[in-house]
N, C-alpha and C. Protein backbone atom coordinates (compact mmCIF):
# COMPACT_ATOMS: atom_id res chain seq x y z
N GLN A 1 0.83 -1.17 0.00
CA GLN A 1 0.00 0.00 0.00
C GLN A 1 0.87 1.24 0.00
N ALA A 2 0.37 2.29 -0.60
CA ALA A 2 1.10 3.56 -0.66
C ALA A 2 0.10 4.70 -0.74
N THR A 3 0.58 5.89 -0.46
CA THR A 3 -0.23 7.10 -0.56
C THR A 3 0.45 8.03 -1.55
N ILE A 4 -0.32 8.55 -2.49
CA ILE A 4 0.19 9.41 -3.56
C ILE A 4 -0.17 10.87 -3.27
N PHE A 5 0.76 11.75 -3.58
CA PHE A 5 0.54 13.19 -3.46
C PHE A 5 0.71 13.81 -4.84
N PHE A 6 -0.26 14.59 -5.25
CA PHE A 6 -0.17 15.31 -6.51
C PHE A 6 -0.65 16.73 -6.26
N SER A 7 0.20 17.70 -6.57
CA SER A 7 -0.20 19.10 -6.38
C SER A 7 0.03 19.88 -7.66
N ASP A 8 -0.64 21.00 -7.72
CA ASP A 8 -0.58 21.87 -8.89
C ASP A 8 -0.63 23.30 -8.35
N ILE A 9 0.15 24.19 -8.93
CA ILE A 9 0.17 25.59 -8.49
C ILE A 9 -1.04 26.31 -9.06
N CYS A 10 -1.87 26.85 -8.17
CA CYS A 10 -3.06 27.58 -8.60
C CYS A 10 -2.67 28.82 -9.40
N ASN A 11 -3.39 29.06 -10.48
CA ASN A 11 -3.18 30.24 -11.33
C ASN A 11 -1.75 30.33 -11.87
N PHE A 12 -1.13 29.18 -12.12
CA PHE A 12 0.25 29.19 -12.58
C PHE A 12 0.42 29.91 -13.91
N THR A 13 -0.47 29.68 -14.85
CA THR A 13 -0.35 30.30 -16.17
C THR A 13 -0.38 31.82 -16.06
N ALA A 14 -1.33 32.35 -15.30
CA ALA A 14 -1.42 33.80 -15.13
C ALA A 14 -0.19 34.34 -14.42
N GLN A 15 0.26 33.63 -13.38
CA GLN A 15 1.44 34.09 -12.64
C GLN A 15 2.69 34.03 -13.51
N SER A 16 2.84 32.97 -14.27
CA SER A 16 4.05 32.83 -15.09
C SER A 16 4.07 33.83 -16.24
N ASN A 17 2.91 34.23 -16.73
CA ASN A 17 2.84 35.23 -17.80
C ASN A 17 3.31 36.61 -17.31
N ALA A 18 3.22 36.84 -16.01
CA ALA A 18 3.60 38.13 -15.45
C ALA A 18 5.10 38.20 -15.14
N LEU A 19 5.83 37.09 -15.32
CA LEU A 19 7.25 37.04 -15.00
C LEU A 19 8.09 36.78 -16.24
N SER A 20 9.34 37.21 -16.19
CA SER A 20 10.27 36.85 -17.27
C SER A 20 10.56 35.35 -17.14
N ALA A 21 11.10 34.75 -18.17
CA ALA A 21 11.39 33.31 -18.13
C ALA A 21 12.34 32.97 -17.00
N LEU A 22 13.37 33.77 -16.80
CA LEU A 22 14.35 33.52 -15.74
C LEU A 22 13.72 33.66 -14.36
N ASP A 23 12.90 34.71 -14.18
CA ASP A 23 12.22 34.90 -12.90
C ASP A 23 11.23 33.77 -12.61
N MET A 24 10.53 33.32 -13.65
CA MET A 24 9.58 32.22 -13.47
C MET A 24 10.30 30.94 -13.06
N LEU A 25 11.43 30.64 -13.72
CA LEU A 25 12.20 29.44 -13.36
C LEU A 25 12.74 29.54 -11.93
N SER A 26 13.19 30.71 -11.55
CA SER A 26 13.68 30.92 -10.19
C SER A 26 12.55 30.73 -9.18
N TRP A 27 11.39 31.30 -9.48
CA TRP A 27 10.23 31.22 -8.60
C TRP A 27 9.75 29.79 -8.43
N ILE A 28 9.58 29.06 -9.53
CA ILE A 28 9.09 27.69 -9.42
C ILE A 28 10.16 26.79 -8.79
N GLY A 29 11.43 27.07 -9.08
CA GLY A 29 12.50 26.31 -8.46
C GLY A 29 12.51 26.48 -6.95
N TYR A 30 12.31 27.71 -6.51
CA TYR A 30 12.22 28.00 -5.07
C TYR A 30 11.07 27.21 -4.44
N ASN A 31 9.89 27.26 -5.08
CA ASN A 31 8.74 26.54 -4.54
C ASN A 31 9.02 25.05 -4.43
N PHE A 32 9.61 24.47 -5.45
CA PHE A 32 9.89 23.03 -5.42
C PHE A 32 10.98 22.69 -4.40
N ARG A 33 11.95 23.58 -4.18
CA ARG A 33 12.96 23.32 -3.15
C ARG A 33 12.34 23.31 -1.77
N VAL A 34 11.40 24.21 -1.52
CA VAL A 34 10.69 24.21 -0.24
C VAL A 34 9.93 22.89 -0.07
N ILE A 35 9.23 22.47 -1.11
CA ILE A 35 8.47 21.21 -1.03
C ILE A 35 9.43 20.03 -0.86
N ASP A 36 10.58 20.04 -1.54
CA ASP A 36 11.57 18.97 -1.38
C ASP A 36 12.04 18.86 0.07
N CYS A 37 12.29 19.99 0.73
CA CYS A 37 12.72 19.96 2.13
C CYS A 37 11.63 19.39 3.03
N CYS A 38 10.40 19.77 2.76
CA CYS A 38 9.28 19.21 3.53
C CYS A 38 9.18 17.71 3.31
N ALA A 39 9.32 17.28 2.06
CA ALA A 39 9.24 15.85 1.74
C ALA A 39 10.34 15.09 2.47
N ALA A 40 11.55 15.62 2.47
CA ALA A 40 12.65 14.95 3.17
C ALA A 40 12.36 14.85 4.66
N HIS A 41 11.81 15.91 5.23
CA HIS A 41 11.50 15.92 6.66
C HIS A 41 10.48 14.84 7.03
N TYR A 42 9.47 14.66 6.19
CA TYR A 42 8.40 13.70 6.50
C TYR A 42 8.63 12.31 5.91
N GLY A 43 9.76 12.10 5.24
CA GLY A 43 10.04 10.78 4.68
C GLY A 43 9.21 10.48 3.45
N ILE A 44 8.86 11.51 2.71
CA ILE A 44 8.08 11.37 1.47
C ILE A 44 9.07 11.29 0.31
N HIS A 45 8.80 10.43 -0.65
CA HIS A 45 9.68 10.26 -1.80
C HIS A 45 9.12 11.02 -3.00
N LYS A 46 9.88 12.00 -3.48
CA LYS A 46 9.46 12.76 -4.67
C LYS A 46 9.66 11.87 -5.90
N ILE A 47 8.61 11.74 -6.69
CA ILE A 47 8.70 10.99 -7.94
C ILE A 47 9.22 11.90 -9.03
N LYS A 48 8.53 13.04 -9.25
CA LYS A 48 8.99 14.00 -10.25
C LYS A 48 8.14 15.26 -10.20
N THR A 49 8.66 16.29 -10.86
CA THR A 49 7.87 17.49 -11.10
C THR A 49 7.54 17.49 -12.58
N ILE A 50 6.34 17.93 -12.87
CA ILE A 50 5.86 17.96 -14.25
C ILE A 50 5.29 19.35 -14.47
N GLY A 51 6.06 20.22 -15.10
CA GLY A 51 5.61 21.60 -15.24
C GLY A 51 5.48 22.23 -13.87
N ASP A 52 4.27 22.62 -13.50
CA ASP A 52 4.04 23.22 -12.19
C ASP A 52 3.44 22.21 -11.21
N ALA A 53 3.47 20.94 -11.56
CA ALA A 53 2.91 19.89 -10.70
C ALA A 53 4.02 19.14 -9.97
N TYR A 54 3.68 18.62 -8.80
CA TYR A 54 4.63 17.88 -7.96
C TYR A 54 4.00 16.54 -7.62
N LEU A 55 4.69 15.46 -7.90
CA LEU A 55 4.20 14.10 -7.66
C LEU A 55 5.12 13.42 -6.67
N ALA A 56 4.54 12.88 -5.58
CA ALA A 56 5.33 12.22 -4.55
C ALA A 56 4.55 11.02 -4.00
N ILE A 57 5.26 10.16 -3.26
CA ILE A 57 4.65 8.96 -2.71
C ILE A 57 5.17 8.70 -1.30
N ALA A 58 4.33 8.13 -0.48
CA ALA A 58 4.72 7.67 0.86
C ALA A 58 4.28 6.22 0.98
N GLY A 59 5.02 5.47 1.77
CA GLY A 59 4.65 4.09 2.00
C GLY A 59 5.52 3.07 1.30
N LEU A 60 6.54 3.54 0.58
CA LEU A 60 7.47 2.60 -0.04
C LEU A 60 8.33 1.99 1.06
N PRO A 61 8.38 0.69 1.20
CA PRO A 61 9.11 0.07 2.32
C PRO A 61 10.56 0.52 2.41
N GLU A 62 11.27 0.56 1.29
CA GLU A 62 12.68 0.96 1.35
C GLU A 62 12.85 2.41 1.78
N ARG A 63 11.90 3.27 1.47
CA ARG A 63 12.00 4.68 1.86
C ARG A 63 11.77 4.84 3.36
N THR A 64 10.74 4.21 3.91
CA THR A 64 10.47 4.37 5.33
C THR A 64 11.55 3.70 6.16
N ASP A 65 12.11 2.58 5.70
CA ASP A 65 13.21 1.94 6.41
C ASP A 65 14.45 2.84 6.37
N GLU A 66 14.65 3.52 5.24
CA GLU A 66 15.82 4.37 5.06
C GLU A 66 15.87 5.51 6.07
N VAL A 67 14.73 6.08 6.41
CA VAL A 67 14.73 7.19 7.35
C VAL A 67 14.59 6.70 8.79
N GLY A 68 14.65 5.39 8.99
CA GLY A 68 14.67 4.83 10.32
C GLY A 68 13.33 4.82 11.03
N ARG A 69 12.26 4.88 10.28
CA ARG A 69 10.94 4.92 10.91
C ARG A 69 10.25 3.56 10.89
N GLY A 70 10.86 2.60 10.21
CA GLY A 70 10.29 1.25 10.19
C GLY A 70 9.12 1.13 9.24
N SER A 71 8.71 -0.10 8.99
CA SER A 71 7.64 -0.35 8.02
C SER A 71 6.25 -0.19 8.63
N ASP A 72 6.14 0.06 9.93
CA ASP A 72 4.83 0.21 10.56
C ASP A 72 4.36 1.66 10.59
N VAL A 73 5.04 2.54 9.86
CA VAL A 73 4.66 3.95 9.79
C VAL A 73 3.33 4.09 9.06
N ASN A 74 2.48 4.94 9.56
CA ASN A 74 1.22 5.23 8.90
C ASN A 74 1.52 6.24 7.78
N HIS A 75 1.73 5.71 6.56
CA HIS A 75 2.13 6.59 5.46
C HIS A 75 1.06 7.57 5.06
N ALA A 76 -0.21 7.22 5.26
CA ALA A 76 -1.29 8.17 4.95
C ALA A 76 -1.19 9.37 5.89
N LEU A 77 -0.90 9.12 7.15
CA LEU A 77 -0.76 10.21 8.12
C LEU A 77 0.49 11.04 7.81
N GLN A 78 1.59 10.37 7.42
CA GLN A 78 2.79 11.09 6.99
C GLN A 78 2.45 12.07 5.87
N MET A 79 1.68 11.58 4.90
CA MET A 79 1.33 12.39 3.74
C MET A 79 0.44 13.56 4.13
N VAL A 80 -0.48 13.33 5.06
CA VAL A 80 -1.35 14.41 5.52
C VAL A 80 -0.52 15.50 6.19
N HIS A 81 0.42 15.11 7.04
CA HIS A 81 1.30 16.10 7.69
C HIS A 81 2.12 16.86 6.65
N PHE A 82 2.66 16.14 5.68
CA PHE A 82 3.45 16.76 4.62
C PHE A 82 2.60 17.76 3.83
N ALA A 83 1.44 17.32 3.36
CA ALA A 83 0.56 18.19 2.56
C ALA A 83 0.11 19.40 3.36
N SER A 84 -0.20 19.19 4.63
CA SER A 84 -0.63 20.29 5.49
C SER A 84 0.48 21.32 5.66
N THR A 85 1.70 20.85 5.84
CA THR A 85 2.84 21.76 5.98
C THR A 85 3.04 22.57 4.71
N VAL A 86 2.96 21.91 3.56
CA VAL A 86 3.14 22.61 2.28
C VAL A 86 2.07 23.69 2.12
N VAL A 87 0.82 23.35 2.41
CA VAL A 87 -0.26 24.34 2.29
C VAL A 87 -0.01 25.51 3.23
N GLN A 88 0.39 25.20 4.45
CA GLN A 88 0.62 26.28 5.42
C GLN A 88 1.78 27.18 5.04
N LEU A 89 2.79 26.63 4.40
CA LEU A 89 3.93 27.45 3.99
C LEU A 89 3.61 28.36 2.82
N PHE A 90 2.71 27.93 1.95
CA PHE A 90 2.43 28.71 0.73
C PHE A 90 1.12 29.49 0.78
N SER A 91 0.34 29.30 1.79
CA SER A 91 -0.95 29.98 1.86
C SER A 91 -0.89 31.13 2.84
N GLY A 92 -1.49 32.22 2.49
CA GLY A 92 -1.56 33.36 3.39
C GLY A 92 -2.56 33.17 4.51
N ARG A 93 -3.45 32.17 4.37
CA ARG A 93 -4.48 31.96 5.37
C ARG A 93 -4.00 31.15 6.57
N TYR A 94 -2.95 30.39 6.40
CA TYR A 94 -2.45 29.53 7.47
C TYR A 94 -1.00 29.89 7.75
N VAL A 95 -0.57 29.69 8.95
CA VAL A 95 0.82 29.96 9.30
C VAL A 95 1.38 28.72 9.98
N HIS A 96 2.39 28.12 9.37
CA HIS A 96 3.04 26.96 9.95
C HIS A 96 3.95 27.44 11.07
N PRO A 97 3.90 26.80 12.24
CA PRO A 97 4.71 27.28 13.38
C PRO A 97 6.22 27.23 13.12
N ASP A 98 6.69 26.35 12.23
CA ASP A 98 8.11 26.23 11.94
C ASP A 98 8.46 26.78 10.56
N ALA A 99 7.66 27.68 10.02
CA ALA A 99 7.89 28.20 8.66
C ALA A 99 9.29 28.78 8.51
N ASN A 100 9.75 29.56 9.48
CA ASN A 100 11.08 30.16 9.36
C ASN A 100 12.18 29.10 9.35
N GLU A 101 12.02 28.04 10.14
CA GLU A 101 13.02 26.97 10.15
C GLU A 101 13.05 26.23 8.82
N VAL A 102 11.88 25.97 8.25
CA VAL A 102 11.82 25.29 6.95
C VAL A 102 12.49 26.15 5.88
N LEU A 103 12.18 27.43 5.86
CA LEU A 103 12.77 28.32 4.87
C LEU A 103 14.28 28.46 5.08
N LYS A 104 14.73 28.40 6.33
CA LYS A 104 16.17 28.45 6.61
C LYS A 104 16.86 27.21 6.04
N MET A 105 16.23 26.02 6.20
CA MET A 105 16.78 24.79 5.63
C MET A 105 16.89 24.90 4.12
N VAL A 106 15.86 25.45 3.48
CA VAL A 106 15.86 25.60 2.03
C VAL A 106 17.00 26.52 1.60
N ALA A 107 17.16 27.65 2.29
CA ALA A 107 18.21 28.60 1.95
C ALA A 107 19.59 27.97 2.09
N GLU A 108 19.81 27.24 3.19
CA GLU A 108 21.10 26.60 3.41
C GLU A 108 21.38 25.54 2.35
N ARG A 109 20.37 24.74 2.02
CA ARG A 109 20.53 23.70 0.99
C ARG A 109 20.84 24.35 -0.36
N ASN A 110 20.15 25.44 -0.68
CA ASN A 110 20.35 26.12 -1.95
C ASN A 110 21.77 26.68 -2.05
N VAL A 111 22.26 27.31 -0.99
CA VAL A 111 23.61 27.87 -0.99
C VAL A 111 24.64 26.77 -1.17
N LEU A 112 24.49 25.65 -0.45
CA LEU A 112 25.43 24.55 -0.57
C LEU A 112 25.43 23.96 -1.98
N GLN A 113 24.25 23.80 -2.58
CA GLN A 113 24.17 23.25 -3.94
C GLN A 113 24.83 24.19 -4.94
N ARG A 114 24.61 25.48 -4.80
CA ARG A 114 25.20 26.44 -5.74
C ARG A 114 26.71 26.53 -5.55
N LYS A 115 27.18 26.45 -4.32
CA LYS A 115 28.62 26.47 -4.07
C LYS A 115 29.26 25.23 -4.68
N ALA A 116 28.62 24.08 -4.51
CA ALA A 116 29.15 22.84 -5.08
C ALA A 116 29.20 22.91 -6.60
N ALA A 117 28.26 23.63 -7.20
CA ALA A 117 28.22 23.77 -8.65
C ALA A 117 29.13 24.91 -9.13
N GLY A 118 29.74 25.63 -8.18
CA GLY A 118 30.64 26.72 -8.55
C GLY A 118 29.95 27.99 -8.95
N ARG A 119 28.67 28.14 -8.59
CA ARG A 119 27.93 29.36 -8.96
C ARG A 119 28.09 30.42 -7.89
N ARG A 120 28.28 31.65 -8.34
CA ARG A 120 28.47 32.76 -7.40
C ARG A 120 27.20 33.59 -7.22
N ASP A 121 26.23 33.42 -8.10
CA ASP A 121 25.02 34.24 -8.04
C ASP A 121 24.01 33.62 -7.08
N LEU A 122 24.29 33.75 -5.79
CA LEU A 122 23.44 33.14 -4.77
C LEU A 122 22.23 34.03 -4.50
N PRO A 123 21.03 33.52 -4.78
CA PRO A 123 19.84 34.34 -4.55
C PRO A 123 19.52 34.43 -3.06
N ARG A 124 18.84 35.47 -2.70
CA ARG A 124 18.37 35.66 -1.33
C ARG A 124 16.97 35.06 -1.26
N LEU A 125 16.75 34.12 -0.35
CA LEU A 125 15.46 33.46 -0.23
C LEU A 125 14.71 34.07 0.95
N THR A 126 13.45 34.40 0.73
CA THR A 126 12.59 34.92 1.77
C THR A 126 11.27 34.18 1.74
N SER A 127 10.41 34.44 2.68
CA SER A 127 9.11 33.77 2.69
C SER A 127 8.23 34.23 1.52
N GLN A 128 8.58 35.32 0.85
CA GLN A 128 7.80 35.79 -0.28
C GLN A 128 8.30 35.22 -1.61
N GLY A 129 9.42 34.53 -1.62
CA GLY A 129 9.95 33.99 -2.86
C GLY A 129 11.44 34.21 -2.93
N SER A 130 11.97 34.20 -4.12
CA SER A 130 13.40 34.39 -4.26
C SER A 130 13.69 35.66 -5.02
N GLY A 131 14.87 36.15 -4.82
CA GLY A 131 15.29 37.34 -5.55
C GLY A 131 16.79 37.35 -5.63
N SER A 132 17.33 38.12 -6.50
CA SER A 132 18.77 38.19 -6.65
C SER A 132 19.31 39.38 -5.89
N ASP A 133 20.50 39.22 -5.33
CA ASP A 133 21.15 40.34 -4.64
C ASP A 133 21.84 41.22 -5.65
């Protein structure tokens, strides 16, 4: 048994039309990095991103064993916590109590990845999105 997560960015076409191609890629990349950090925290396995959609799964035995939670984990509950966190981080109506910590993890991961790739143009990440210094 497994639980599947599929999300789509609301009004993506309208939002992407208002941005340059580079800004749109930066914006969607930021959003997916935040979701990736949440997925890693909850032991969710990202399958792929498709345009503005995100596909993930919970309940794969090798994944739950890998994070040390054992095969008796309630993967449906894991997925609910994951999805709830994602909604709270991106919605103005809800506030996740650890939003700043999650965003800090994303920023640190982004800086390390860019340094490893030899890139010097490190963007500044905030709760409103990304921007260049």
